[in-house]
């Protein structure tokens, strides 16, 4: 019955979790399998323990369902998935005791690796890895006679440009190799410091191997066939580089073993004796009988049933507010006349399901630089499709940040709010960028505060929609950033009163 209630609570959450393993988290398939294998190895040890239930487990379960409620109602997949792991810990402690939980702690903790990283953190990792891989490849390729001009994550070769896309950032190999290093260390090592060193060593190994892949692609493109940058060979090269990563991990292990011998650490293969844990059944003992098993079951079942009932009643159809499509946004704003700029399909794929507008406006009355307007609206972010921060996308397009701060904007029909102000450069070109996050008539500059309000509004209003507003203009000649900012502010005064039609309050 408890398993049925857990299935009622988590069936859709776990189904979408398995679906997400098809992408950058394909190692997720192996994580629960390995945890079950470790439990099977411990079966004799676990059979020696007698249950000593602890009421603390009920409080852990209560905390887990609270995290689940916040995750489901607040459109945060990571919290919903983590609550499943927390609930399993609570069940173990509540029905079996702390000594059981200590015994299964490693396979339980290992399960966290099956949960994809939150998008807001994933982007913080992915984009720096893209830039790092691009820099390393741009440094190595000239050694082999290939001239390179790097712009952000784009490596311009004489034959063609190579873009180090998100899939080529190395995040997939990094996560997979780290998971494999932990499994490898657990199975083949008894020394904790070597296990930790193997897990940490997976990071530089993955970065180096991924950079090697990009260098190999650059050499093939330059000296053989540019078509090899895509298709089957490109995918096969990824598998080949991963095999190289495994070899490097094996060599690192051998090096650590040699180092351990030199410092007098016990040799590999000598397991450390394990002291008997509390709860081991002594000879002739049958174990203490739990006098309140039904009460424990009823309390656990009531907690799970109440949570499931509440969520299914509260989390019905999400409210999708009525609004106008961004395609109908006026192309004429006073003297400013706009021209739509098509967004490439690969960029739309990264952005995810939403409504987007990229338009260039020029002032016909005055000869001043253009203003680019980018609007991104997501009617729902419950499935994990969230707004990408420009501070990651712009460097990825080759723009280097020169300066960044925040300014206070006073737009018509809006209360004063803070917006991000970026000065970016590419070659001899400079641009000024102003952007903020807008949802339910609330504008914020921080993506973390935007995420906080997303969770809060989803719980309070059953809405998870949100948007990004971005203005960009060139800084021409001897023009100062403050002068360019005045141009953006004058243009934003025309856009601000219209946003309520396209970003519902």
Protein backbone atom coordinates (compact mmCIF):
# COMPACT_ATOMS: atom_id res chain seq x y z
CA UNK A 1 0.00 0.00 0.00
CA UNK A 2 2.83 2.37 0.75
CA UNK A 3 4.40 1.53 -2.61
CA UNK A 4 1.07 2.32 -4.29
CA UNK A 5 0.84 5.68 -2.54
CA UNK A 6 4.44 6.51 -3.49
CA UNK A 7 3.63 5.58 -7.08
CA UNK A 8 0.60 7.89 -6.97
CA UNK A 9 2.83 10.72 -5.76
CA UNK A 10 5.88 10.19 -7.94
CA UNK A 11 4.88 8.25 -11.08
CA UNK A 12 4.81 11.29 -13.38
CA UNK A 13 7.89 12.82 -11.71
CA UNK A 14 9.94 9.65 -12.19
CA UNK A 15 8.62 9.18 -15.73
CA UNK A 16 9.84 12.63 -16.77
CA UNK A 17 13.10 11.95 -14.94
CA UNK A 18 13.75 8.87 -17.08
CA UNK A 19 12.80 10.87 -20.16
CA UNK A 20 15.43 13.50 -19.31
CA UNK A 21 18.11 10.81 -19.12
CA UNK A 22 18.05 10.63 -22.93
CA UNK A 23 20.04 13.87 -23.18
CA UNK A 24 23.09 15.05 -21.27
CA UNK A 25 22.25 12.80 -18.31
CA UNK A 26 22.32 9.40 -20.02
CA UNK A 27 24.42 8.05 -17.14
CA UNK A 28 21.24 8.28 -15.05
CA UNK A 29 20.17 4.83 -16.25
CA UNK A 30 23.13 3.24 -14.46
CA UNK A 31 22.83 5.10 -11.15
CA UNK A 32 19.83 3.25 -9.61
CA UNK A 33 21.10 -0.03 -11.07
CA UNK A 34 24.45 0.44 -9.32
CA UNK A 35 22.76 1.39 -6.04
CA UNK A 36 20.69 -1.79 -6.19
CA UNK A 37 23.86 -3.78 -6.91
CA UNK A 38 25.55 -2.32 -3.81
CA UNK A 39 22.50 -3.21 -1.72
CA UNK A 40 22.62 -6.75 -3.09
CA UNK A 41 26.28 -6.97 -2.08
CA UNK A 42 25.29 -5.91 1.44
CA UNK A 43 22.38 -8.35 1.71
CA UNK A 44 24.12 -10.59 4.25
CA UNK A 45 25.17 -7.64 6.35
CA UNK A 46 21.66 -6.15 6.29
CA UNK A 47 20.15 -9.51 7.25
CA UNK A 48 22.12 -9.39 10.50
CA UNK A 49 20.47 -6.13 11.59
CA UNK A 50 17.26 -6.00 13.57
CA UNK A 51 14.81 -3.14 13.00
CA UNK A 52 14.94 -0.38 15.61
CA UNK A 53 12.36 2.10 14.24
CA UNK A 54 12.91 5.77 14.94
CA UNK A 55 10.20 8.43 15.10
CA UNK A 56 12.69 10.87 13.57
CA UNK A 57 12.00 9.19 10.26
CA UNK A 58 8.47 10.59 10.28
CA UNK A 59 9.85 14.12 10.47
CA UNK A 60 12.20 13.36 7.58
CA UNK A 61 9.20 12.12 5.59
CA UNK A 62 7.26 15.25 6.51
CA UNK A 63 10.15 17.41 5.28
CA UNK A 64 10.34 15.35 2.06
CA UNK A 65 6.65 15.85 1.24
CA UNK A 66 7.00 19.58 2.00
CA UNK A 67 9.85 19.72 -0.53
CA UNK A 68 7.64 17.80 -2.95
CA UNK A 69 4.76 20.27 -2.53
CA UNK A 70 7.07 23.24 -3.12
CA UNK A 71 8.63 21.51 -6.13
CA UNK A 72 5.33 20.52 -7.79
CA UNK A 73 3.40 23.70 -7.07
CA UNK A 74 6.44 25.90 -7.61
CA UNK A 75 7.41 24.41 -10.98
CA UNK A 76 10.83 23.25 -9.77
CA UNK A 77 11.65 19.78 -11.08
CA UNK A 78 14.85 19.42 -9.08
CA UNK A 79 13.05 19.81 -5.74
CA UNK A 80 10.34 17.33 -6.78
CA UNK A 81 12.93 14.73 -7.69
CA UNK A 82 15.13 15.28 -4.63
CA UNK A 83 12.07 14.81 -2.42
CA UNK A 84 11.86 11.20 -3.62
CA UNK A 85 15.36 10.51 -2.30
CA UNK A 86 14.57 12.29 0.97
CA UNK A 87 11.36 10.30 1.35
CA UNK A 88 13.24 7.03 0.91
CA UNK A 89 15.62 8.06 3.72
CA UNK A 90 12.67 8.88 5.96
CA UNK A 91 11.03 5.53 5.28
CA UNK A 92 14.23 3.64 6.12
CA UNK A 93 14.76 5.50 9.39
CA UNK A 94 11.07 5.35 10.36
CA UNK A 95 10.58 1.61 9.83
CA UNK A 96 14.09 0.17 10.20
CA UNK A 97 16.21 2.67 12.16
CA UNK A 98 19.31 4.83 11.90
CA UNK A 99 21.69 1.85 11.88
CA UNK A 100 20.04 0.58 8.70
CA UNK A 101 20.36 4.01 7.13
CA UNK A 102 24.05 4.23 8.04
CA UNK A 103 24.61 0.87 6.38
CA UNK A 104 22.90 1.91 3.12
CA UNK A 105 24.06 5.53 3.15
CA UNK A 106 26.42 5.23 0.16
CA UNK A 107 23.95 3.65 -2.30
CA UNK A 108 21.30 6.09 -1.05
CA UNK A 109 23.52 9.17 -1.49
CA UNK A 110 24.70 7.91 -4.89
CA UNK A 111 21.13 8.30 -6.18
CA UNK A 112 21.55 12.09 -6.27
CA UNK A 113 23.66 11.60 -9.42
CA UNK A 114 20.60 10.38 -11.33
CA UNK A 115 18.89 13.77 -10.96
CA UNK A 116 19.72 16.39 -13.62
CA UNK A 117 21.31 19.58 -12.37
CA UNK A 118 18.88 22.52 -12.05
CA UNK A 119 18.79 24.56 -15.25
CA UNK A 120 19.94 27.74 -13.52
CA UNK A 121 23.06 25.91 -12.27
CA UNK A 122 23.46 23.83 -15.43
CA UNK A 123 23.84 27.02 -17.48
CA UNK A 124 26.37 28.36 -15.00
CA UNK A 125 28.50 25.26 -15.66
CA UNK A 126 27.88 24.69 -19.37
CA UNK A 127 28.82 28.08 -20.77
CA UNK A 128 32.16 28.36 -18.93
CA UNK A 129 32.97 24.83 -20.10
CA UNK A 130 32.19 25.83 -23.69
CA UNK A 131 34.50 28.82 -23.43
CA UNK A 132 37.23 26.80 -21.71
CA UNK A 133 37.11 24.09 -24.38
CA UNK A 134 37.23 26.77 -27.09
CA UNK A 135 40.25 28.48 -25.50
CA UNK A 136 42.18 25.23 -25.09
CA UNK A 137 41.45 24.15 -28.67
CA UNK A 138 42.37 27.60 -30.01
CA UNK A 139 45.70 27.32 -28.15
CA UNK A 140 46.57 23.82 -29.38
CA UNK A 141 45.46 24.02 -33.05
CA UNK A 142 48.13 26.60 -34.10
CA UNK A 143 50.76 24.16 -32.87
CA UNK A 144 49.65 21.86 -35.71
CA UNK A 145 49.75 24.65 -38.26
CA UNK A 146 46.06 25.57 -38.19
CA UNK A 147 45.49 29.35 -37.94
CA UNK A 148 42.63 30.16 -35.55
CA UNK A 149 40.54 33.20 -34.73
CA UNK A 150 38.38 32.59 -31.67
CA UNK A 151 35.28 34.63 -30.94
CA UNK A 152 33.65 33.35 -27.76
CA UNK A 153 32.81 29.71 -28.37
CA UNK A 154 33.23 30.05 -32.14
CA UNK A 155 36.58 28.90 -33.59
CA UNK A 156 37.08 30.39 -37.04
CA UNK A 157 39.26 28.14 -39.22
CA UNK A 158 40.38 28.98 -42.78
CA UNK A 159 38.00 26.35 -44.17
CA UNK A 160 34.94 26.96 -41.95
CA UNK A 161 33.89 28.16 -38.48
CA UNK A 162 33.49 25.62 -35.69
CA UNK A 163 30.96 26.36 -32.97
CA UNK A 164 31.48 24.68 -29.63
CA UNK A 165 27.81 24.11 -28.94
CA UNK A 166 26.22 23.22 -25.62
CA UNK A 167 26.37 19.53 -26.52
CA UNK A 168 30.12 19.89 -27.08
CA UNK A 169 30.78 21.73 -23.82
CA UNK A 170 31.94 18.54 -22.15
CA UNK A 171 29.17 18.57 -19.54
CA UNK A 172 27.94 15.16 -20.68
CA UNK A 173 31.34 13.51 -20.44
CA UNK A 174 32.05 15.35 -17.18
CA UNK A 175 28.91 14.06 -15.48
CA UNK A 176 29.24 10.57 -16.92
CA UNK A 177 32.92 10.26 -16.08
CA UNK A 178 32.42 11.55 -12.53
CA UNK A 179 29.67 8.99 -11.97
CA UNK A 180 31.83 6.23 -13.43
CA UNK A 181 34.82 7.32 -11.33
CA UNK A 182 32.77 6.97 -8.13
CA UNK A 183 31.57 3.50 -9.19
CA UNK A 184 35.11 2.51 -10.20
CA UNK A 185 36.58 3.72 -6.91
CA UNK A 186 33.96 1.93 -4.83
CA UNK A 187 34.44 -1.41 -6.58
CA UNK A 188 38.23 -1.41 -6.93
CA UNK A 189 39.47 0.67 -3.99
CA UNK A 190 39.18 0.48 -0.21
CA UNK A 191 41.09 3.67 0.56
CA UNK A 192 38.83 6.68 0.92
CA UNK A 193 41.42 9.24 -0.18
CA UNK A 194 41.98 7.43 -3.49
CA UNK A 195 38.22 7.20 -4.07
CA UNK A 196 37.91 10.95 -3.53
CA UNK A 197 40.94 11.64 -5.74
CA UNK A 198 39.45 9.56 -8.57
CA UNK A 199 36.14 11.44 -8.36
CA UNK A 200 37.90 14.82 -8.37
CA UNK A 201 40.31 13.73 -11.09
CA UNK A 202 37.41 13.02 -13.42
CA UNK A 203 36.89 16.79 -13.84
CA UNK A 204 40.24 17.73 -15.46
CA UNK A 205 40.25 14.45 -17.40
CA UNK A 206 36.85 15.24 -18.94
CA UNK A 207 37.89 18.80 -19.79
CA UNK A 208 41.16 17.66 -21.38
CA UNK A 209 39.48 14.87 -23.35
CA UNK A 210 36.76 17.16 -24.66
CA UNK A 211 39.34 19.74 -25.76
CA UNK A 212 41.17 16.90 -27.52
CA UNK A 213 37.95 16.09 -29.36
CA UNK A 214 37.59 19.69 -30.58
CA UNK A 215 41.24 19.78 -31.66
CA UNK A 216 40.75 16.52 -33.58
CA UNK A 217 37.67 17.93 -35.28
CA UNK A 218 39.57 21.06 -36.23
CA UNK A 219 42.42 19.03 -37.75
CA UNK A 220 40.01 16.85 -39.74
CA UNK A 221 38.13 19.88 -41.03
CA UNK A 222 41.29 21.70 -42.02
CA UNK A 223 43.31 18.87 -43.55
CA UNK A 224 40.68 16.38 -44.69
CA UNK A 225 36.96 17.05 -45.12
CA UNK A 226 34.82 19.81 -43.53
CA UNK A 227 31.78 17.49 -43.58
CA UNK A 228 33.42 15.41 -40.84
CA UNK A 229 32.50 18.16 -38.35
CA UNK A 230 28.98 16.74 -38.32
CA UNK A 231 27.14 13.47 -38.69
CA UNK A 232 28.17 9.94 -37.77
CA UNK A 233 31.90 10.54 -37.56
CA UNK A 234 31.42 13.44 -35.17
CA UNK A 235 29.27 11.27 -32.89
CA UNK A 236 31.71 8.35 -33.15
CA UNK A 237 34.53 10.68 -32.21
CA UNK A 238 32.68 11.52 -29.00
CA UNK A 239 32.56 7.83 -28.03
CA UNK A 240 36.23 7.43 -28.95
CA UNK A 241 37.23 10.36 -26.76
CA UNK A 242 35.19 8.93 -23.87
CA UNK A 243 37.16 5.69 -24.17
CA UNK A 244 40.33 7.78 -23.96
CA UNK A 245 38.91 9.36 -20.80
CA UNK A 246 38.45 5.91 -19.27
CA UNK A 247 42.04 5.01 -20.07
CA UNK A 248 43.22 8.24 -18.43
CA UNK A 249 41.10 7.44 -15.36
CA UNK A 250 42.68 3.97 -15.16
CA UNK A 251 46.18 5.46 -15.42
CA UNK A 252 45.33 7.99 -12.70
CA UNK A 253 44.30 5.11 -10.44
CA UNK A 254 47.58 3.32 -11.04
CA UNK A 255 49.48 6.52 -10.28
CA UNK A 256 47.59 6.98 -7.02
CA UNK A 257 48.28 3.36 -6.04
CA UNK A 258 52.03 3.88 -6.58
CA UNK A 259 51.86 7.11 -4.60
CA UNK A 260 50.02 5.30 -1.81
CA UNK A 261 52.76 2.68 -1.58
CA UNK A 262 55.42 5.37 -1.30
CA UNK A 263 53.67 7.05 1.60
CA UNK A 264 53.10 3.71 3.33
CA UNK A 265 49.35 3.41 2.76
CA UNK A 266 47.95 -0.15 2.90
CA UNK A 267 48.02 -1.94 -0.44
CA UNK A 268 44.92 -2.25 -2.57
CA UNK A 269 42.83 -5.34 -2.00
CA UNK A 270 43.11 -5.39 1.80
CA UNK A 271 39.64 -4.46 2.98
CA UNK A 272 39.33 -2.50 6.17
CA UNK A 273 37.58 -4.53 8.90
CA UNK A 274 34.08 -3.26 9.57
CA UNK A 275 33.01 -2.98 13.17
CA UNK A 276 29.64 -4.50 14.04
CA UNK A 277 26.90 -1.93 13.70
CA UNK A 278 24.26 -1.25 16.32
CA UNK A 279 21.33 -3.57 15.86
CA UNK A 280 23.28 -6.70 14.97
CA UNK A 281 21.39 -9.77 16.15
CA UNK A 282 23.33 -11.64 18.77
CA UNK A 283 23.44 -15.46 18.73
CA UNK A 284 20.14 -16.87 19.91
CA UNK A 285 18.40 -13.48 19.77
CA UNK A 286 15.23 -13.07 17.68
CA UNK A 287 15.15 -9.29 17.66
CA UNK A 288 12.90 -6.84 19.45
CA UNK A 289 9.30 -6.79 18.28
CA UNK A 290 7.91 -3.46 17.17
CA UNK A 291 4.80 -3.02 19.31
CA UNK A 292 3.25 -0.35 17.08
CA UNK A 293 3.78 -1.49 13.49
CA UNK A 294 0.23 -0.69 12.40
CA UNK A 295 0.34 2.77 13.94
CA UNK A 296 3.59 3.47 12.07
CA UNK A 297 2.06 2.24 8.85
CA UNK A 298 -1.12 4.30 9.32
CA UNK A 299 0.81 7.50 10.04
CA UNK A 300 3.04 7.02 6.98
CA UNK A 301 0.10 6.09 4.76
CA UNK A 302 -1.95 9.05 5.99
CA UNK A 303 0.91 11.47 5.30
CA UNK A 304 1.44 10.16 1.76
CA UNK A 305 -2.28 9.95 0.96
CA UNK A 306 -2.96 13.47 2.26
CA UNK A 307 -0.08 14.88 0.21
CA UNK A 308 -1.18 13.08 -2.95
CA UNK A 309 -4.80 14.20 -2.53
CA UNK A 310 -3.77 17.81 -1.90
CA UNK A 311 -1.47 17.96 -4.93
CA UNK A 312 -3.94 16.36 -7.31
CA UNK A 313 -6.66 18.79 -6.23
CA UNK A 314 -4.44 21.87 -6.14
CA UNK A 315 -2.21 21.17 -9.10
CA UNK A 316 -4.88 20.85 -11.77
CA UNK A 317 -4.66 22.60 -15.08
CA UNK A 318 -2.17 25.41 -14.86
CA UNK A 319 -3.57 28.87 -15.51
CA UNK A 320 -2.34 30.21 -18.85
CA UNK A 321 -3.11 33.93 -18.94
CA UNK A 322 -4.55 35.50 -22.10
CA UNK A 323 -2.14 37.66 -24.06
CA UNK A 324 -1.22 38.86 -27.53
CA UNK A 325 1.42 37.08 -29.59
CA UNK A 326 4.78 38.81 -29.80
CA UNK A 327 4.51 38.69 -33.59
CA UNK A 328 1.86 41.41 -33.29
CA UNK A 329 4.17 43.75 -31.38
CA UNK A 330 4.16 47.12 -33.21
CA UNK A 331 6.91 47.49 -35.78
CA UNK A 332 6.53 51.27 -35.68
CA UNK A 333 7.17 53.09 -32.40
CA UNK A 334 7.04 56.79 -33.21
CA UNK A 335 10.03 57.54 -35.42
CA UNK A 336 11.44 54.06 -34.77
CA UNK A 337 10.76 51.55 -37.54
CA UNK A 338 11.45 47.87 -36.93
CA UNK A 339 12.59 44.96 -39.07
CA UNK A 340 12.25 41.38 -37.85
CA UNK A 341 15.43 39.31 -37.57
CA UNK A 342 14.87 35.53 -38.02
CA UNK A 343 16.04 33.41 -35.10
CA UNK A 344 18.01 30.34 -36.32
CA UNK A 345 16.36 26.95 -35.69
CA UNK A 346 19.25 25.76 -33.50
CA UNK A 347 18.87 28.86 -31.32
CA UNK A 348 15.12 28.25 -31.03
CA UNK A 349 15.85 24.68 -29.95
CA UNK A 350 18.07 25.95 -27.14
CA UNK A 351 15.51 28.56 -26.08
CA UNK A 352 12.79 25.95 -25.74
CA UNK A 353 9.01 26.24 -26.15
CA UNK A 354 7.95 29.86 -25.96
CA UNK A 355 7.14 33.02 -27.90
CA UNK A 356 10.12 35.05 -29.13
CA UNK A 357 10.70 38.34 -30.94
CA UNK A 358 14.00 39.66 -32.28
CA UNK A 359 13.66 42.98 -34.10
CA UNK A 360 15.97 45.79 -35.15
CA UNK A 361 14.60 49.34 -34.85
CA UNK A 362 16.05 52.38 -36.63
CA UNK A 363 15.18 56.01 -36.03
CA UNK A 364 14.16 57.57 -39.32
CA UNK A 365 14.13 61.12 -37.93
CA UNK A 366 17.63 61.09 -36.47
CA UNK A 367 20.83 59.48 -37.71
CA UNK A 368 21.65 57.44 -34.65
CA UNK A 369 22.60 53.81 -34.14
CA UNK A 370 19.97 51.10 -34.23
CA UNK A 371 18.35 49.41 -31.23
CA UNK A 372 17.80 45.67 -31.10
CA UNK A 373 14.80 44.44 -29.12
CA UNK A 374 14.61 40.84 -27.92
CA UNK A 375 11.54 39.57 -26.08
CA UNK A 376 11.20 36.00 -24.82
CA UNK A 377 7.99 34.81 -23.19
CA UNK A 378 7.42 31.37 -21.66
CA UNK A 379 3.74 30.61 -20.97
CA UNK A 380 4.77 27.74 -18.66
CA UNK A 381 8.03 26.75 -17.00
CA UNK A 382 6.76 23.68 -15.15
CA UNK A 383 8.52 21.29 -17.54
CA UNK A 384 11.90 22.82 -16.74
CA UNK A 385 12.11 25.13 -19.78
CA UNK A 386 13.36 28.34 -18.22
CA UNK A 387 14.80 31.61 -19.43
CA UNK A 388 18.44 31.66 -20.53
CA UNK A 389 20.51 34.45 -19.06
CA UNK A 390 22.10 36.86 -21.58
CA UNK A 391 25.27 36.89 -19.50
CA UNK A 392 25.83 33.34 -20.77
CA UNK A 393 24.42 33.63 -24.29
CA UNK A 394 26.29 36.79 -25.27
CA UNK A 395 29.79 35.45 -24.45
CA UNK A 396 28.80 32.28 -26.27
CA UNK A 397 28.16 34.36 -29.40
CA UNK A 398 31.66 35.81 -29.26
CA UNK A 399 31.02 38.94 -27.20
CA UNK A 400 33.37 39.58 -24.29
CA UNK A 401 31.99 41.40 -21.22
CA UNK A 402 33.84 44.64 -20.55
CA UNK A 403 31.83 46.03 -17.65
CA UNK A 404 28.62 45.18 -15.85
CA UNK A 405 26.48 46.87 -13.23
CA UNK A 406 22.87 47.67 -12.53
CA UNK A 407 20.78 50.74 -13.23
CA UNK A 408 17.38 51.83 -11.95
CA UNK A 409 14.74 52.27 -14.65
CA UNK A 410 11.61 54.41 -14.41
CA UNK A 411 9.43 53.27 -17.29
CA UNK A 412 5.90 54.55 -17.84
CA UNK A 413 3.22 52.39 -16.18
CA UNK A 414 5.86 50.62 -14.06
CA UNK A 415 7.31 51.17 -10.62
CA UNK A 416 11.09 51.84 -10.52
CA UNK A 417 13.11 48.65 -10.79
CA UNK A 418 16.71 47.47 -11.27
CA UNK A 419 17.98 46.23 -14.64
CA UNK A 420 21.29 44.71 -15.73
CA UNK A 421 23.67 46.94 -17.71
CA UNK A 422 26.38 45.23 -19.75
CA UNK A 423 29.09 46.64 -21.98
CA UNK A 424 30.31 43.96 -24.40
CA UNK A 425 32.96 43.95 -27.12
CA UNK A 426 33.90 41.85 -30.13
CA UNK A 427 36.99 42.95 -32.01
CA UNK A 428 36.66 46.72 -32.40
CA UNK A 429 32.89 46.74 -31.89
CA UNK A 430 31.20 47.67 -28.63
CA UNK A 431 27.60 47.34 -27.57
CA UNK A 432 25.50 48.31 -24.59
CA UNK A 433 22.94 45.83 -23.25
CA UNK A 434 20.08 46.43 -20.83
CA UNK A 435 17.95 43.48 -19.73
CA UNK A 436 15.65 42.32 -16.95
CA UNK A 437 13.21 39.54 -16.10
CA UNK A 438 9.50 40.40 -16.16
CA UNK A 439 6.59 38.37 -14.79
CA UNK A 440 3.21 39.36 -13.33
CA UNK A 441 4.08 43.07 -13.45
CA UNK A 442 7.26 42.44 -11.43
CA UNK A 443 10.64 43.30 -12.94
CA UNK A 444 13.89 42.02 -11.39
CA UNK A 445 17.51 42.00 -12.50
CA UNK A 446 18.69 38.82 -10.72
CA UNK A 447 17.96 35.48 -12.35
CA UNK A 448 17.98 33.93 -8.87
CA UNK A 449 15.28 36.30 -7.63
CA UNK A 450 13.38 35.59 -10.84
CA UNK A 451 13.55 31.89 -10.00
CA UNK A 452 12.42 32.55 -6.43
CA UNK A 453 9.41 34.52 -7.61
CA UNK A 454 8.65 31.83 -10.17
CA UNK A 455 8.30 29.27 -7.37
CA UNK A 456 6.34 31.67 -5.15
CA UNK A 457 3.93 32.75 -7.92
CA UNK A 458 3.41 29.19 -9.10
CA UNK A 459 2.32 28.24 -5.58
CA UNK A 460 0.23 31.36 -5.02
CA UNK A 461 -1.31 31.89 -8.48
CA UNK A 462 -0.86 28.50 -10.20
CA UNK A 463 1.03 30.32 -12.96
CA UNK A 464 4.64 29.77 -14.03
CA UNK A 465 4.89 32.15 -16.99
CA UNK A 466 7.70 34.67 -17.31
CA UNK A 467 9.71 36.70 -19.77
CA UNK A 468 13.02 38.32 -20.60
CA UNK A 469 13.26 41.88 -21.97
CA UNK A 470 16.54 42.89 -23.61
CA UNK A 471 17.67 46.05 -25.41
CA UNK A 472 20.97 46.28 -27.31
CA UNK A 473 22.57 49.17 -29.17
CA UNK A 474 26.06 49.77 -30.66
CA UNK A 475 28.39 52.22 -28.94
CA UNK A 476 29.61 54.11 -31.99
CA UNK A 477 32.94 55.87 -32.39
CA UNK A 478 33.78 58.09 -29.45
CA UNK A 479 30.31 57.73 -27.95
CA UNK A 480 30.18 57.06 -24.23
CA UNK A 481 28.18 54.21 -22.69
CA UNK A 482 26.06 56.78 -20.83
CA UNK A 483 25.10 58.41 -24.13
CA UNK A 484 24.16 55.01 -25.59
CA UNK A 485 22.17 54.31 -22.44
CA UNK A 486 20.10 57.45 -22.95
CA UNK A 487 19.17 56.16 -26.40
CA UNK A 488 18.07 52.84 -24.94
CA UNK A 489 16.11 54.53 -22.18
CA UNK A 490 14.28 56.75 -24.66
CA UNK A 491 13.40 53.68 -26.72
CA UNK A 492 12.41 51.70 -23.60
CA UNK A 493 9.96 54.49 -22.68
CA UNK A 494 8.04 53.60 -25.84
CA UNK A 495 8.21 49.85 -25.29
CA UNK A 496 7.42 49.78 -21.55
CA UNK A 497 3.71 50.72 -21.71
CA UNK A 498 3.09 48.03 -24.36
CA UNK A 499 4.61 45.10 -22.49
CA UNK A 500 1.49 44.45 -20.45
CA UNK A 501 -0.32 43.29 -23.60
CA UNK A 502 2.29 40.61 -24.30
CA UNK A 503 3.50 39.73 -20.79
CA UNK A 504 0.31 39.32 -18.72
CA UNK A 505 0.20 40.75 -15.23
